[in-house]
Protein backbone atom coordinates (compact mmCIF):
# COMPACT_ATOMS: atom_id res chain seq x y z
CA MET A 1 102.66 44.78 92.88
CA HIS A 2 100.32 42.97 90.48
CA ASN A 3 102.93 40.27 89.89
CA ILE A 4 103.38 39.75 93.63
CA GLY A 5 99.62 39.70 94.13
CA SER A 6 99.09 37.16 91.34
CA LYS A 7 101.67 34.80 92.89
CA VAL A 8 100.00 35.04 96.30
CA LEU A 9 96.58 34.49 94.70
CA GLU A 10 97.84 31.49 92.73
CA GLY A 11 99.14 29.91 95.91
CA LEU A 12 95.82 30.54 97.67
CA LEU A 13 93.77 29.07 94.82
CA ASN A 14 95.88 25.91 94.72
CA ALA A 15 96.10 25.43 98.50
CA ASP A 16 93.28 22.87 98.28
CA GLY A 17 95.44 20.46 96.29
CA GLY A 18 93.31 20.77 93.17
CA GLY A 19 89.86 20.36 94.66
CA TYR A 20 89.89 16.55 94.69
CA GLN A 21 86.47 15.19 95.79
CA GLY A 22 87.03 11.46 95.76
CA LYS A 23 87.41 8.77 93.10
CA SER A 24 83.91 9.31 91.67
CA LEU A 25 81.06 11.80 91.63
CA PRO A 26 77.39 11.26 90.71
CA CYS A 27 76.07 12.46 87.35
CA ASP A 28 72.62 14.07 87.00
CA ASN A 29 71.69 11.35 84.47
CA GLY A 30 72.36 8.56 86.96
CA HIS A 31 75.89 7.84 85.71
CA THR A 32 79.21 8.36 87.46
CA TYR A 33 82.04 10.80 86.90
CA GLU A 34 85.38 9.04 87.46
CA PHE A 35 88.51 10.87 88.60
CA VAL A 36 91.05 10.98 85.78
CA GLY A 37 93.79 13.29 87.00
CA TYR A 38 94.70 16.92 87.45
CA ARG A 39 94.48 19.58 84.77
CA ASP A 40 95.95 23.08 84.84
CA LYS A 41 94.07 26.10 83.59
CA ASN A 42 95.41 29.59 82.94
CA VAL A 43 93.04 32.23 84.27
CA LEU A 44 93.31 35.99 83.85
CA THR A 45 92.50 37.78 87.11
CA VAL A 46 92.55 41.44 88.09
CA LEU A 47 96.06 40.82 89.47
CA GLY A 48 97.32 39.08 86.34
CA LYS A 49 97.50 35.53 85.00
CA VAL A 50 97.43 32.60 87.42
CA LYS A 51 97.63 28.84 86.88
CA VAL A 52 94.86 26.91 88.63
CA THR A 53 95.20 23.17 89.24
CA ARG A 54 91.88 21.29 89.18
CA ALA A 55 90.80 17.71 89.65
CA TYR A 56 89.29 16.42 86.38
CA TYR A 57 86.42 13.91 86.24
CA TYR A 58 84.99 12.12 83.20
CA ASP A 59 81.65 10.39 82.56
CA ARG A 60 82.25 7.72 79.91
CA GLN A 61 78.56 7.13 79.22
CA CYS A 62 77.69 10.83 78.75
CA LYS A 63 81.14 11.44 77.24
CA ASP A 64 81.38 14.56 79.34
CA GLY A 65 84.15 15.90 81.54
CA MET A 66 84.06 18.43 84.34
CA CYS A 67 86.13 20.06 87.09
CA PRO A 68 84.15 20.75 90.29
CA LYS A 69 86.64 23.45 91.20
CA ASP A 70 85.69 25.46 88.11
CA LYS A 71 82.16 25.81 89.44
CA ASP A 72 83.41 26.77 92.90
CA LEU A 73 85.63 29.50 91.42
CA ASP A 74 83.04 30.60 88.83
CA ILE A 75 85.35 29.93 85.90
CA GLU A 76 83.32 27.28 84.06
CA GLY A 77 83.70 27.74 80.31
CA THR A 78 85.90 30.81 80.67
CA SER A 79 89.52 31.76 81.25
CA PHE A 80 88.57 35.05 82.94
CA SER A 81 88.00 35.44 86.66
CA PRO A 82 84.67 36.87 87.92
CA GLY A 83 86.46 40.12 88.74
CA VAL A 84 87.77 40.55 85.20
CA ARG A 85 84.37 39.68 83.72
CA ARG A 86 82.78 42.24 86.01
CA ILE A 87 85.19 44.92 84.77
CA LYS A 88 84.60 43.96 81.13
CA ALA A 89 80.82 44.09 81.55
CA ARG A 90 80.94 47.47 83.23
CA VAL A 91 83.23 49.02 80.64
CA GLY A 92 81.45 47.36 77.71
CA ALA A 93 78.09 48.62 78.91
CA TYR A 94 79.37 52.19 79.04
CA ARG A 95 81.80 52.36 76.13
CA ALA A 96 82.09 51.05 72.58
CA PHE A 97 83.78 47.64 72.67
CA GLY A 98 86.59 48.91 70.48
CA LEU A 99 87.43 51.63 73.00
CA GLY A 100 86.68 49.63 76.12
CA HIS A 101 89.68 47.34 75.84
CA GLU A 102 91.95 50.40 75.75
CA ASP A 103 90.32 51.74 78.92
CA ILE A 104 90.79 48.45 80.76
CA LYS A 105 94.44 48.26 79.69
CA GLU A 106 95.06 51.83 80.83
CA MET A 107 93.24 51.69 84.16
CA ALA A 108 93.67 48.09 85.30
CA GLY A 109 96.65 46.81 83.32
CA ILE A 110 94.49 43.97 81.98
CA ASP A 111 94.90 43.08 78.30
CA VAL A 112 91.65 41.86 76.72
CA THR A 113 90.31 42.24 73.19
CA ALA A 114 87.21 44.12 72.08
CA LYS A 115 85.62 40.82 71.02
CA GLU A 116 86.21 39.31 74.46
CA ILE A 117 84.49 42.30 76.05
CA GLU A 118 81.54 41.88 73.69
CA ARG A 119 81.20 38.16 74.46
CA THR A 120 81.29 38.83 78.19
CA CYS A 121 78.67 41.59 77.91
CA ASN A 122 76.37 39.33 75.92
CA LYS A 123 76.68 36.46 78.39
CA LEU A 124 76.28 38.61 81.50
CA GLY A 125 73.47 40.55 79.79
CA GLN A 126 71.57 37.28 79.42
CA GLN A 127 72.21 36.48 83.08
CA THR A 128 71.02 39.97 84.03
CA LYS A 129 67.73 39.31 82.24
CA ALA A 130 67.39 36.06 84.22
CA PHE A 131 68.09 38.03 87.40
CA PHE A 132 65.34 40.54 86.59
CA ASN A 133 62.94 37.71 85.72
CA LYS A 134 63.64 36.04 89.07
CA GLN A 135 63.04 39.28 90.94
CA ALA A 136 59.86 39.80 88.94
CA SER A 137 58.49 36.33 89.75
CA GLU A 138 59.24 36.83 93.44
CA SER A 139 57.60 40.26 93.46
CA LEU A 140 54.34 38.77 92.19
CA LYS A 141 54.14 36.58 95.31
CA VAL A 142 55.10 39.04 98.04
CA LEU A 143 53.53 42.35 99.03
CA PRO A 144 55.96 45.06 100.17
CA ILE A 145 55.57 46.04 103.80
CA GLN A 146 56.22 49.77 103.38
CA SER A 147 53.56 51.88 101.67
CA VAL A 148 54.45 54.43 99.00
CA PRO A 149 52.84 57.92 98.98
CA LYS A 150 53.06 58.47 95.21
CA LEU A 151 54.42 55.98 92.70
CA TYR A 152 55.04 56.97 89.08
CA ILE A 153 55.20 54.63 86.09
CA CYS A 154 56.60 56.14 82.89
CA MET A 155 56.93 54.60 79.42
CA ASP A 156 58.45 55.68 76.13
CA GLY A 157 60.16 54.29 73.05
CA THR A 158 63.32 55.27 71.21
CA GLY A 159 64.83 53.99 67.98
CA VAL A 160 68.01 51.91 68.04
CA PRO A 161 70.02 51.50 64.80
CA MET A 162 70.02 47.88 63.68
CA VAL A 163 71.91 45.62 61.26
CA LYS A 164 70.12 44.88 58.00
CA LYS A 165 68.99 41.37 58.89
CA GLU A 166 66.94 42.77 61.80
CA LEU A 167 65.07 45.16 59.48
CA VAL A 168 63.80 42.79 56.80
CA ASN A 169 60.22 43.66 55.72
CA ARG A 170 60.03 46.55 58.18
CA GLN A 171 58.76 49.89 56.95
CA GLY A 172 60.40 53.09 58.07
CA LYS A 173 60.51 56.83 57.58
CA ALA A 174 63.54 56.85 55.27
CA GLU A 175 63.13 58.00 51.66
CA ASP A 176 63.33 54.42 50.42
CA GLY A 177 60.63 53.39 52.89
CA GLN A 178 62.95 51.00 54.73
CA ALA A 179 63.36 51.03 58.47
CA LYS A 180 66.76 51.87 59.88
CA THR A 181 65.94 51.32 63.54
CA ARG A 182 63.89 49.16 65.90
CA GLU A 183 62.02 50.66 68.82
CA ALA A 184 63.46 49.99 72.25
CA LYS A 185 60.82 50.41 74.93
CA LEU A 186 61.97 51.86 78.23
CA GLY A 187 60.02 52.11 81.44
CA CYS A 188 60.93 53.68 84.74
CA VAL A 189 59.37 53.59 88.18
CA PHE A 190 60.05 56.20 90.85
CA THR A 191 58.45 57.54 93.99
CA GLN A 192 57.60 60.97 95.37
CA THR A 193 57.19 61.76 99.04
CA GLY A 194 57.02 65.54 99.22
CA LEU A 195 57.19 68.96 97.58
CA ASP A 196 59.87 71.64 97.51
CA GLU A 197 59.53 75.12 99.04
CA ARG A 198 57.75 76.31 95.89
CA GLY A 199 55.20 73.53 96.03
CA ARG A 200 56.69 71.54 93.15
CA PRO A 201 56.94 67.74 93.34
CA VAL A 202 60.33 66.27 94.25
CA ARG A 203 61.41 62.82 93.14
CA ASP A 204 62.75 60.68 95.98
CA GLU A 205 66.51 60.43 95.66
CA GLY A 206 67.72 57.06 94.42
CA SER A 207 64.17 55.82 93.85
CA THR A 208 64.30 55.42 90.06
CA SER A 209 64.52 51.96 88.52
CA TYR A 210 64.44 51.02 84.83
CA VAL A 211 63.33 48.16 82.63
CA GLY A 212 63.67 48.02 78.88
CA ALA A 213 64.07 45.90 75.76
CA ILE A 214 63.33 45.71 72.06
CA GLU A 215 60.14 43.69 72.29
CA THR A 216 56.41 43.82 71.72
CA SER A 217 54.22 45.99 73.94
CA GLU A 218 52.52 42.83 75.28
CA VAL A 219 55.81 41.44 76.60
CA PHE A 220 57.02 44.84 77.78
CA GLY A 221 53.77 45.43 79.67
CA LYS A 222 54.37 42.31 81.76
CA ARG A 223 57.96 43.38 82.38
CA LEU A 224 56.95 46.84 83.56
CA TYR A 225 54.10 45.50 85.71
CA ALA A 226 56.49 43.12 87.47
CA GLU A 227 58.85 46.00 88.21
CA ALA A 228 55.98 48.11 89.54
CA LYS A 229 54.88 45.20 91.75
CA GLN A 230 58.37 44.92 93.15
CA ARG A 231 58.40 48.66 93.84
CA GLY A 232 55.13 48.51 95.78
CA VAL A 233 52.40 49.54 93.35
CA ASP A 234 49.83 47.55 95.34
CA ARG A 235 50.45 49.59 98.47
CA ALA A 236 50.93 52.99 96.85
CA LYS A 237 48.45 55.62 98.00
CA GLU A 238 48.44 57.18 94.54
CA VAL A 239 49.68 55.69 91.24
CA VAL A 240 50.44 57.89 88.24
CA VAL A 241 51.14 56.74 84.68
CA LEU A 242 53.05 59.28 82.59
CA GLY A 243 53.66 59.05 78.85
CA ASP A 244 53.11 60.59 75.45
CA GLY A 245 50.17 59.83 73.19
CA ALA A 246 51.37 56.47 71.87
CA PRO A 247 48.43 54.02 72.00
CA TRP A 248 50.55 51.14 73.32
CA ILE A 249 51.37 53.14 76.45
CA TRP A 250 47.75 53.64 77.42
CA ASN A 251 46.84 50.07 76.48
CA ILE A 252 49.41 48.91 79.05
CA ALA A 253 48.07 51.42 81.57
CA ASP A 254 44.50 50.18 81.11
CA GLU A 255 45.48 46.52 81.39
CA TYR A 256 47.96 46.59 84.26
CA PHE A 257 47.30 49.82 86.16
CA PRO A 258 43.53 50.38 86.21
CA GLY A 259 42.53 53.27 88.41
CA ALA A 260 45.87 55.03 88.06
CA VAL A 261 45.98 58.75 87.31
CA GLU A 262 46.90 59.02 83.62
CA ILE A 263 48.88 62.09 82.51
CA ILE A 264 50.07 63.01 79.04
CA ASP A 265 53.52 64.56 79.25
CA LEU A 266 52.89 68.31 79.07
CA TYR A 267 55.82 68.99 76.76
CA HIS A 268 54.67 66.37 74.25
CA ALA A 269 51.20 67.90 74.32
CA ARG A 270 52.64 71.33 73.53
CA GLU A 271 54.38 69.94 70.48
CA HIS A 272 51.01 68.98 69.03
CA TYR A 273 49.43 72.43 69.02
CA TRP A 274 52.66 73.74 67.50
CA LYS A 275 52.25 71.23 64.67
CA ALA A 276 48.74 72.53 64.04
CA GLY A 277 49.90 76.14 64.07
CA ARG A 278 52.74 75.47 61.65
CA ALA A 279 50.27 73.75 59.32
CA CYS A 280 48.85 77.20 58.51
CA SER A 281 51.57 78.78 56.41
CA CYS A 282 49.69 82.09 56.28
CA LEU A 283 50.59 82.76 59.93
CA ASN A 284 53.77 84.80 60.13
CA LYS A 285 56.32 84.17 62.85
CA GLU A 286 54.92 86.76 65.25
CA LYS A 287 51.30 85.66 64.87
CA LEU A 288 52.26 81.99 65.18
CA HIS A 289 54.11 82.57 68.45
CA GLN A 290 51.22 84.60 69.88
CA TRP A 291 48.75 81.91 68.83
CA ALA A 292 50.92 79.19 70.43
CA GLU A 293 51.34 81.24 73.62
CA ASP A 294 47.56 81.44 73.99
CA ARG A 295 47.35 77.66 73.58
CA ARG A 296 50.08 77.19 76.19
CA LYS A 297 48.04 79.13 78.75
CA GLU A 298 44.91 77.13 77.93
CA LEU A 299 46.74 73.84 78.24
CA ASP A 300 48.47 74.83 81.49
CA ALA A 301 45.03 75.71 82.84
CA GLY A 302 43.85 72.19 81.96
CA ARG A 303 41.47 73.26 79.19
CA PRO A 304 42.26 71.09 76.15
CA GLU A 305 38.76 71.76 74.81
CA ASP A 306 39.79 75.39 74.26
CA VAL A 307 42.87 74.21 72.39
CA VAL A 308 40.67 72.07 70.13
CA LYS A 309 38.37 75.06 69.53
CA ALA A 310 41.36 77.21 68.56
CA ILE A 311 42.70 74.61 66.14
CA ARG A 312 39.27 74.34 64.53
CA GLY A 313 39.30 78.11 64.16
CA LEU A 314 42.33 77.81 61.87
CA SER A 315 40.10 76.28 59.19
CA CYS A 316 38.87 79.71 58.14
CA LEU A 317 42.41 80.77 57.22
CA PRO A 318 43.86 80.35 53.74
CA GLU A 319 46.48 77.64 53.17
CA TYR A 320 45.04 75.56 55.99
CA ASP A 321 46.31 71.95 56.10
CA LYS A 322 43.15 70.09 57.03
CA GLU A 323 44.76 66.67 57.39
CA ILE A 324 47.33 67.79 59.97
CA CYS A 325 44.87 69.89 61.95
CA GLU A 326 42.26 67.14 62.07
CA ARG A 327 44.89 64.72 63.31
CA GLU A 328 45.92 67.08 66.09
CA ILE A 329 42.29 67.73 67.03
CA GLY A 330 41.84 63.99 67.38
CA TYR A 331 44.93 63.80 69.61
CA PHE A 332 43.63 66.43 72.04
CA GLU A 333 40.07 65.08 72.08
CA LYS A 334 41.22 61.53 72.73
CA ASN A 335 43.56 62.52 75.56
CA LYS A 336 41.69 65.45 77.10
CA GLU A 337 41.17 63.76 80.48
CA ARG A 338 44.91 63.16 80.64
CA MET A 339 45.55 66.90 80.21
CA ARG A 340 43.92 68.43 83.29
CA TYR A 341 47.26 69.96 84.22
CA ALA A 342 45.96 72.58 86.64
CA ASP A 343 44.24 69.87 88.68
CA PHE A 344 47.29 67.60 88.49
CA ARG A 345 49.51 70.39 89.80
CA ARG A 346 47.10 71.12 92.63
CA ARG A 347 47.36 67.49 93.63
CA GLY A 348 51.16 67.72 93.66
CA PHE A 349 51.83 65.49 90.64
CA PHE A 350 54.59 65.65 88.09
CA VAL A 351 53.15 66.62 84.69
CA GLY A 352 56.30 66.05 82.65
CA SER A 353 58.17 62.84 81.93
CA GLY A 354 61.62 64.41 82.17
CA VAL A 355 62.89 61.49 84.26
CA LEU A 356 62.13 59.04 81.46
CA GLU A 357 63.33 61.40 78.73
CA ALA A 358 66.64 61.57 80.54
CA GLY A 359 66.54 57.79 80.92
CA CYS A 360 66.11 57.27 77.17
CA ARG A 361 69.23 59.36 76.62
CA SER A 362 71.34 57.93 79.45
CA VAL A 363 70.22 54.29 79.53
CA ILE A 364 69.86 53.73 75.78
CA GLY A 365 71.00 56.68 73.68
CA GLN A 366 74.46 57.30 75.12
CA ARG A 367 75.54 53.69 74.50
CA LEU A 368 73.45 52.24 71.69
CA LYS A 369 72.96 55.25 69.41
CA GLN A 370 76.52 56.40 68.88
CA SER A 371 77.76 57.22 65.39
CA GLY A 372 78.27 54.17 63.19
CA MET A 373 76.69 51.67 65.58
CA HIS A 374 74.36 48.94 64.34
CA TRP A 375 72.99 46.23 66.62
CA THR A 376 71.30 42.87 66.56
CA VAL A 377 68.19 42.62 68.74
CA ASP A 378 69.88 40.18 71.12
CA GLY A 379 73.04 42.29 71.36
CA ALA A 380 71.10 45.48 72.04
CA ASN A 381 68.88 43.81 74.62
CA ASN A 382 71.89 42.43 76.48
CA ILE A 383 73.42 45.89 76.78
CA ILE A 384 70.06 47.43 77.73
CA ALA A 385 69.68 44.81 80.48
CA LEU A 386 73.14 45.61 81.86
CA ARG A 387 72.52 49.35 81.78
CA CYS A 388 69.10 49.02 83.43
CA CYS A 389 70.84 47.03 86.16
CA PHE A 390 73.45 49.79 86.66
CA PHE A 391 71.03 52.69 86.59
CA SER A 392 68.60 50.88 88.90
CA ASN A 393 71.37 50.46 91.50
CA ARG A 394 71.11 46.65 91.37
CA TRP A 395 74.62 45.82 90.16
CA GLU A 396 75.71 44.43 93.53
CA ASP A 397 72.42 42.56 93.89
CA PHE A 398 73.04 40.93 90.51
CA TRP A 399 76.46 39.61 91.54
CA GLU A 400 75.06 38.31 94.81
CA TYR A 401 72.39 36.52 92.76
CA ARG A 402 75.10 34.93 90.58
CA ALA A 403 77.04 33.79 93.64
CA ALA A 404 74.03 32.18 95.29
């Protein structure tokens, strides 16, 4: 069936007689492309290989040749049809390149190499970034018509294993002091319209979109702001920024989302009083768990000051680690207004960043942090761009953008 289909497709593609457009065509530099003759090109399509006949033009002054038909068929600089490239990008964004070519062979009967999948992913990843940039620039000019009841903006970072050249002069947590990873920043935007029967907030189905890259917080802040603009942050009745205690997160919130409700992820906050409790080795397991349970109740009630008071009370115990406890006290004091969880719950807000935690695993971790993987910054960012496009339900929009 594929062989029959490829023959029919080949006849259809060549029905135009090669795409002849006259003896000459204008060049962008003011020169002229002259018709030379017809050239055949073998192209791999989802139905199999086809031979495409194209009119070839040459500019003697620029010393450059071109086939107008290649642009029309979207096969400039490639021997793969758009459909095959689309399959390669999808598989390569979900699976290791070395396994992806086996999947394509098994499911579509298309024989491509792992390196060809990688090249396609890198090229389309770059085009995906251009697509997001175009959407971002357009969103800055137009206000959405529909208002949003509650719009959430979440940020976090996760380490991606890198090749050695990307880690030069970077300090890390390894025993030798060298970094093994670079931080990929991921942001997500979603909306909430209502509550469930128990009064808990419910994320609007299909409302989550992602942006991410290995880049500075300054660049990432602009990226996330553009996404929020596109999602209607200017017309949202309430805007909530959710994150952990990383300073770069709240710097972005202050710069781009002033007036937003700022909430420290409750589960990250709980980790910090546990760190303080474990810093007192004199507490046995039972006492430690009871102490932590009391702190949980205080934090759930939105009373971080009581948590600070309890951590200070540990100083009278023997084997008290002052450095750790003082650091955790500083964390709660600095973020206390972002920990009024009882009030946040009364207002119907999410107090946990589970959506983004899941995003870090699904968007980045499941593809870029597999055993034995090491990335360049550009390679990782291309895959992140593709995966953000998939998980944001903009894959079809991206291909429409390419075809425009």
